[in-house]
Amino acid sequence: MGEKNPPVPYVPQSKMFLWTAVVLIFASAVPTFAQYECTSELTFGKACSQNKTSTKWFFDSKLSFCYPYQFLGCDEGSNSFESSDICLESCKPADQFSCGGNTDADGVCFSPGDSGCKKGTDCVMGGTIGFCCNKATQDEWNKEHSPTCTKGSVVQFKQWFGITPLIGRNCTHKFCPAGSTCIQGKWTAHCCQ
């Protein structure tokens, strides 16, 4: 006698909708870059007599964010933008967000303090839906993005939404203004003056 296939369990339509939404959210969290400049390597250029050095912005695909760097004046690479705003508009969808350090989420949530996030994670909101992010990593990321200086003050710059700390990817990118000091963190760097 042949074996019967077990019955397929009934899944309520509301749960199916939620599952579909979760799959779509995770799929949208993985960056898809249509433009070559967003995925190409950072090029500092070379010094030349006709142009001075300047601060430009590049898209860092590892952290999925735009950071400043010192452009040397000539032979600009394709991953180079005049401002943070132009870089973000070109390379990062407005609704894309991730856990600190672009680390993997451990589920989805719908409000801060969501009991659906397991112990050791926090709900990090990105609009109406959030991710359950590792609490220790998220705390470290938040501290790095709200920098302080042991001496002096953090260098700030103006964005469309207001004044914010000038945060770069790495001190080797020489993005800090003259007279300030670069302080390297785990993921990013900031400037003190």
C-alpha atoms as a PDB file:
ATOM      1  CA  MET A   1       0.000   0.000   0.000  1.00  0.00           C
ATOM      2  CA  GLY A   2       1.407   3.469  -0.926  1.00  0.00           C
ATOM      3  CA  GLU A   3       2.118   6.183   1.636  1.00  0.00           C
ATOM      4  CA  LYS A   4      -0.254   9.079   1.831  1.00  0.00           C
ATOM      5  CA  ASN A   5       1.130  12.580   1.667  1.00  0.00           C
ATOM      6  CA  PRO A   6       0.506  14.471   4.894  1.00  0.00           C
ATOM      7  CA  PRO A   7      -2.178  17.143   4.617  1.00  0.00           C
ATOM      8  CA  VAL A   8      -0.983  20.638   3.852  1.00  0.00           C
ATOM      9  CA  PRO A   9      -1.632  22.811   6.903  1.00  0.00           C
ATOM     10  CA  TYR A  10      -4.042  25.690   6.512  1.00  0.00           C
ATOM     11  CA  VAL A  11      -2.334  29.076   6.778  1.00  0.00           C
ATOM     12  CA  PRO A  12      -4.701  31.966   7.496  1.00  0.00           C
ATOM     13  CA  GLN A  13      -4.549  34.673   4.851  1.00  0.00           C
ATOM     14  CA  SER A  14      -3.479  37.298   7.433  1.00  0.00           C
ATOM     15  CA  LYS A  15      -0.425  35.200   8.381  1.00  0.00           C
ATOM     16  CA  MET A  16       0.367  34.594   4.702  1.00  0.00           C
ATOM     17  CA  PHE A  17       0.254  38.355   4.111  1.00  0.00           C
ATOM     18  CA  LEU A  18       2.573  38.944   7.076  1.00  0.00           C
ATOM     19  CA  TRP A  19       5.010  36.287   5.832  1.00  0.00           C
ATOM     20  CA  THR A  20       4.993  37.827   2.328  1.00  0.00           C
ATOM     21  CA  ALA A  21       5.650  41.280   3.845  1.00  0.00           C
ATOM     22  CA  VAL A  22       8.565  39.901   5.881  1.00  0.00           C
ATOM     23  CA  VAL A  23      10.110  38.271   2.801  1.00  0.00           C
ATOM     24  CA  LEU A  24       9.756  41.500   0.821  1.00  0.00           C
ATOM     25  CA  ILE A  25      11.301  43.570   3.632  1.00  0.00           C
ATOM     26  CA  PHE A  26      14.335  41.314   3.898  1.00  0.00           C
ATOM     27  CA  ALA A  27      14.691  41.273   0.127  1.00  0.00           C
ATOM     28  CA  SER A  28      14.611  45.083   0.029  1.00  0.00           C
ATOM     29  CA  ALA A  29      17.258  45.292   2.764  1.00  0.00           C
ATOM     30  CA  VAL A  30      19.783  43.709   0.409  1.00  0.00           C
ATOM     31  CA  PRO A  31      21.161  46.587  -1.645  1.00  0.00           C
ATOM     32  CA  THR A  32      20.569  46.439  -5.369  1.00  0.00           C
ATOM     33  CA  PHE A  33      22.571  49.048  -7.178  1.00  0.00           C
ATOM     34  CA  ALA A  34      21.542  49.893 -10.695  1.00  0.00           C
ATOM     35  CA  GLN A  35      24.380  52.342 -11.115  1.00  0.00           C
ATOM     36  CA  TYR A  36      27.968  51.332 -11.644  1.00  0.00           C
ATOM     37  CA  GLU A  37      29.323  54.343  -9.719  1.00  0.00           C
ATOM     38  CA  CYS A  38      27.736  53.122  -6.497  1.00  0.00           C
ATOM     39  CA  THR A  39      29.588  49.807  -6.545  1.00  0.00           C
ATOM     40  CA  SER A  40      32.931  50.863  -7.992  1.00  0.00           C
ATOM     41  CA  GLU A  41      36.029  51.222  -5.813  1.00  0.00           C
ATOM     42  CA  LEU A  42      36.908  54.547  -4.222  1.00  0.00           C
ATOM     43  CA  THR A  43      39.542  56.424  -6.209  1.00  0.00           C
ATOM     44  CA  PHE A  44      41.314  59.340  -4.528  1.00  0.00           C
ATOM     45  CA  GLY A  45      42.596  60.669  -7.865  1.00  0.00           C
ATOM     46  CA  LYS A  46      46.003  62.267  -8.207  1.00  0.00           C
ATOM     47  CA  ALA A  47      47.457  65.673  -7.425  1.00  0.00           C
ATOM     48  CA  CYS A  48      47.689  68.066 -10.343  1.00  0.00           C
ATOM     49  CA  SER A  49      48.512  71.720 -10.884  1.00  0.00           C
ATOM     50  CA  GLN A  50      45.145  72.717 -12.403  1.00  0.00           C
ATOM     51  CA  ASN A  51      42.932  71.609  -9.490  1.00  0.00           C
ATOM     52  CA  LYS A  52      43.136  71.806  -5.699  1.00  0.00           C
ATOM     53  CA  THR A  53      42.176  69.051  -3.317  1.00  0.00           C
ATOM     54  CA  SER A  54      38.529  69.045  -2.224  1.00  0.00           C
ATOM     55  CA  THR A  55      36.106  67.018  -0.139  1.00  0.00           C
ATOM     56  CA  LYS A  56      33.939  64.649  -2.151  1.00  0.00           C
ATOM     57  CA  TRP A  57      31.629  61.795  -1.110  1.00  0.00           C
ATOM     58  CA  PHE A  58      31.620  58.111  -2.048  1.00  0.00           C
ATOM     59  CA  PHE A  59      29.192  55.247  -1.484  1.00  0.00           C
ATOM     60  CA  ASP A  60      30.584  52.506   0.766  1.00  0.00           C
ATOM     61  CA  SER A  61      28.805  49.297  -0.243  1.00  0.00           C
ATOM     62  CA  LYS A  62      29.949  47.426   2.889  1.00  0.00           C
ATOM     63  CA  LEU A  63      28.129  49.825   5.247  1.00  0.00           C
ATOM     64  CA  SER A  64      25.609  50.914   2.595  1.00  0.00           C
ATOM     65  CA  PHE A  65      26.142  54.621   3.260  1.00  0.00           C
ATOM     66  CA  CYS A  66      27.930  57.693   1.847  1.00  0.00           C
ATOM     67  CA  TYR A  67      31.127  59.039   3.428  1.00  0.00           C
ATOM     68  CA  PRO A  68      33.507  61.943   2.727  1.00  0.00           C
ATOM     69  CA  TYR A  69      37.025  61.642   1.360  1.00  0.00           C
ATOM     70  CA  GLN A  70      39.748  63.967   0.133  1.00  0.00           C
ATOM     71  CA  PHE A  71      39.831  64.093  -3.667  1.00  0.00           C
ATOM     72  CA  LEU A  72      43.336  64.993  -4.851  1.00  0.00           C
ATOM     73  CA  GLY A  73      42.273  67.113  -7.843  1.00  0.00           C
ATOM     74  CA  CYS A  74      42.499  65.050 -11.065  1.00  0.00           C
ATOM     75  CA  ASP A  75      41.464  61.631 -12.397  1.00  0.00           C
ATOM     76  CA  GLU A  76      38.245  61.375 -10.433  1.00  0.00           C
ATOM     77  CA  GLY A  77      36.755  57.891 -10.164  1.00  0.00           C
ATOM     78  CA  SER A  78      33.122  57.080 -10.910  1.00  0.00           C
ATOM     79  CA  ASN A  79      32.207  56.571  -7.227  1.00  0.00           C
ATOM     80  CA  SER A  80      32.521  60.264  -6.415  1.00  0.00           C
ATOM     81  CA  PHE A  81      29.821  62.804  -5.627  1.00  0.00           C
ATOM     82  CA  GLU A  82      29.776  66.533  -4.834  1.00  0.00           C
ATOM     83  CA  SER A  83      27.747  66.150  -1.643  1.00  0.00           C
ATOM     84  CA  SER A  84      26.391  63.619   0.815  1.00  0.00           C
ATOM     85  CA  ASP A  85      22.850  64.331  -0.392  1.00  0.00           C
ATOM     86  CA  ILE A  86      23.674  63.660  -4.062  1.00  0.00           C
ATOM     87  CA  CYS A  87      25.528  60.469  -3.114  1.00  0.00           C
ATOM     88  CA  LEU A  88      22.612  59.166  -1.027  1.00  0.00           C
ATOM     89  CA  GLU A  89      20.025  60.114  -3.673  1.00  0.00           C
ATOM     90  CA  SER A  90      22.072  58.294  -6.321  1.00  0.00           C
ATOM     91  CA  CYS A  91      22.961  55.144  -4.406  1.00  0.00           C
ATOM     92  CA  LYS A  92      20.672  54.415  -1.456  1.00  0.00           C
ATOM     93  CA  PRO A  93      16.910  53.928  -1.723  1.00  0.00           C
ATOM     94  CA  ALA A  94      15.128  56.247   0.723  1.00  0.00           C
ATOM     95  CA  ASP A  95      13.326  53.363   2.420  1.00  0.00           C
ATOM     96  CA  GLN A  96      16.401  51.165   2.837  1.00  0.00           C
ATOM     97  CA  PHE A  97      17.727  50.710   6.357  1.00  0.00           C
ATOM     98  CA  SER A  98      19.696  48.099   8.259  1.00  0.00           C
ATOM     99  CA  CYS A  99      21.055  47.190  11.648  1.00  0.00           C
ATOM    100  CA  GLY A 100      24.168  49.042  12.834  1.00  0.00           C
ATOM    101  CA  GLY A 101      27.281  48.245  10.814  1.00  0.00           C
ATOM    102  CA  ASN A 102      24.970  46.846   8.132  1.00  0.00           C
ATOM    103  CA  THR A 103      24.837  43.637  10.187  1.00  0.00           C
ATOM    104  CA  ASP A 104      22.164  40.988   9.717  1.00  0.00           C
ATOM    105  CA  ALA A 105      18.776  41.352  11.384  1.00  0.00           C
ATOM    106  CA  ASP A 106      17.320  38.591  13.523  1.00  0.00           C
ATOM    107  CA  GLY A 107      13.701  39.221  12.558  1.00  0.00           C
ATOM    108  CA  VAL A 108      11.238  42.017  11.976  1.00  0.00           C
ATOM    109  CA  CYS A 109       9.329  44.161  14.453  1.00  0.00           C
ATOM    110  CA  PHE A 110       6.649  46.801  14.380  1.00  0.00           C
ATOM    111  CA  SER A 111       7.403  49.166  17.274  1.00  0.00           C
ATOM    112  CA  PRO A 112      10.272  49.970  19.674  1.00  0.00           C
ATOM    113  CA  GLY A 113      10.297  47.443  22.496  1.00  0.00           C
ATOM    114  CA  ASP A 114       8.434  44.909  20.324  1.00  0.00           C
ATOM    115  CA  SER A 115       8.144  41.640  22.267  1.00  0.00           C
ATOM    116  CA  GLY A 116       8.629  39.745  18.997  1.00  0.00           C
ATOM    117  CA  CYS A 117      12.370  40.480  19.142  1.00  0.00           C
ATOM    118  CA  LYS A 118      14.265  37.837  21.080  1.00  0.00           C
ATOM    119  CA  LYS A 119      16.417  38.555  24.133  1.00  0.00           C
ATOM    120  CA  GLY A 120      19.629  40.415  23.290  1.00  0.00           C
ATOM    121  CA  THR A 121      18.088  42.279  20.351  1.00  0.00           C
ATOM    122  CA  ASP A 122      16.381  45.670  20.012  1.00  0.00           C
ATOM    123  CA  CYS A 123      13.736  46.787  17.560  1.00  0.00           C
ATOM    124  CA  VAL A 124      15.328  49.383  15.252  1.00  0.00           C
ATOM    125  CA  MET A 125      12.607  51.146  13.292  1.00  0.00           C
ATOM    126  CA  GLY A 126      12.940  52.113   9.650  1.00  0.00           C
ATOM    127  CA  GLY A 127       9.586  53.735   9.025  1.00  0.00           C
ATOM    128  CA  THR A 128       6.563  51.566   9.823  1.00  0.00           C
ATOM    129  CA  ILE A 129       8.538  48.307  10.075  1.00  0.00           C
ATOM    130  CA  GLY A 130      11.772  47.620  11.931  1.00  0.00           C
ATOM    131  CA  PHE A 131      14.470  44.991  12.343  1.00  0.00           C
ATOM    132  CA  CYS A 132      15.426  43.046  15.464  1.00  0.00           C
ATOM    133  CA  CYS A 133      19.108  44.026  15.754  1.00  0.00           C
ATOM    134  CA  ASN A 134      21.804  42.712  18.086  1.00  0.00           C
ATOM    135  CA  LYS A 135      21.631  45.079  21.097  1.00  0.00           C
ATOM    136  CA  ALA A 136      25.400  45.184  21.835  1.00  0.00           C
ATOM    137  CA  THR A 137      26.239  45.889  18.190  1.00  0.00           C
ATOM    138  CA  GLN A 138      23.493  48.496  17.886  1.00  0.00           C
ATOM    139  CA  ASP A 139      24.617  50.274  21.076  1.00  0.00           C
ATOM    140  CA  GLU A 140      28.205  50.368  19.775  1.00  0.00           C
ATOM    141  CA  TRP A 141      27.017  51.665  16.380  1.00  0.00           C
ATOM    142  CA  ASN A 142      24.847  54.384  17.987  1.00  0.00           C
ATOM    143  CA  LYS A 143      27.719  55.516  20.219  1.00  0.00           C
ATOM    144  CA  GLU A 144      30.032  55.747  17.201  1.00  0.00           C
ATOM    145  CA  HIS A 145      27.449  57.861  15.351  1.00  0.00           C
ATOM    146  CA  SER A 146      26.988  60.236  18.277  1.00  0.00           C
ATOM    147  CA  PRO A 147      30.698  60.909  18.771  1.00  0.00           C
ATOM    148  CA  THR A 148      32.330  62.949  21.517  1.00  0.00           C
ATOM    149  CA  CYS A 149      35.822  64.370  21.821  1.00  0.00           C
ATOM    150  CA  THR A 150      38.041  64.102  24.898  1.00  0.00           C
ATOM    151  CA  LYS A 151      39.414  67.521  23.955  1.00  0.00           C
ATOM    152  CA  GLY A 152      37.623  70.094  21.844  1.00  0.00           C
ATOM    153  CA  SER A 153      34.383  69.506  19.961  1.00  0.00           C
ATOM    154  CA  VAL A 154      33.140  67.267  17.161  1.00  0.00           C
ATOM    155  CA  VAL A 155      33.327  68.800  13.666  1.00  0.00           C
ATOM    156  CA  GLN A 156      29.814  69.284  12.285  1.00  0.00           C
ATOM    157  CA  PHE A 157      28.499  69.849   8.757  1.00  0.00           C
ATOM    158  CA  LYS A 158      25.206  70.986   7.264  1.00  0.00           C
ATOM    159  CA  GLN A 159      22.842  68.563   5.558  1.00  0.00           C
ATOM    160  CA  TRP A 160      19.352  69.196   4.169  1.00  0.00           C
ATOM    161  CA  PHE A 161      17.786  68.212   7.519  1.00  0.00           C
ATOM    162  CA  GLY A 162      20.198  70.189   9.736  1.00  0.00           C
ATOM    163  CA  ILE A 163      23.624  70.123  11.369  1.00  0.00           C
ATOM    164  CA  THR A 164      25.165  66.701  12.041  1.00  0.00           C
ATOM    165  CA  PRO A 165      28.593  65.284  13.008  1.00  0.00           C
ATOM    166  CA  LEU A 166      31.023  64.853  10.112  1.00  0.00           C
ATOM    167  CA  ILE A 167      31.521  61.093  10.042  1.00  0.00           C
ATOM    168  CA  GLY A 168      33.817  59.373   7.564  1.00  0.00           C
ATOM    169  CA  ARG A 169      34.564  55.764   6.815  1.00  0.00           C
ATOM    170  CA  ASN A 170      38.276  55.833   7.643  1.00  0.00           C
ATOM    171  CA  CYS A 171      40.928  58.329   8.777  1.00  0.00           C
ATOM    172  CA  THR A 172      43.065  57.333   5.771  1.00  0.00           C
ATOM    173  CA  HIS A 173      40.476  59.118   3.602  1.00  0.00           C
ATOM    174  CA  LYS A 174      41.744  62.454   5.021  1.00  0.00           C
ATOM    175  CA  PHE A 175      38.250  63.945   5.189  1.00  0.00           C
ATOM    176  CA  CYS A 176      38.784  66.014   8.355  1.00  0.00           C
ATOM    177  CA  PRO A 177      39.240  69.781   7.863  1.00  0.00           C
ATOM    178  CA  ALA A 178      42.647  71.368   8.437  1.00  0.00           C
ATOM    179  CA  GLY A 179      43.379  71.928  12.122  1.00  0.00           C
ATOM    180  CA  SER A 180      41.222  69.014  13.293  1.00  0.00           C
ATOM    181  CA  THR A 181      42.179  65.487  14.350  1.00  0.00           C
ATOM    182  CA  CYS A 182      40.676  62.284  13.000  1.00  0.00           C
ATOM    183  CA  ILE A 183      39.518  59.683  15.542  1.00  0.00           C
ATOM    184  CA  GLN A 184      39.060  56.155  14.150  1.00  0.00           C
ATOM    185  CA  GLY A 185      36.285  53.901  15.473  1.00  0.00           C
ATOM    186  CA  LYS A 186      35.359  50.312  14.693  1.00  0.00           C
ATOM    187  CA  TRP A 187      33.303  51.144  11.573  1.00  0.00           C
ATOM    188  CA  THR A 188      33.727  54.864  11.017  1.00  0.00           C
ATOM    189  CA  ALA A 189      35.777  57.897  12.019  1.00  0.00           C
ATOM    190  CA  HIS A 190      35.003  61.432  13.200  1.00  0.00           C
ATOM    191  CA  CYS A 191      36.882  64.707  13.531  1.00  0.00           C
ATOM    192  CA  CYS A 192      37.689  66.709  16.680  1.00  0.00           C
ATOM    193  CA  GLN A 193      38.726  70.379  16.676  1.00  0.00           C
END
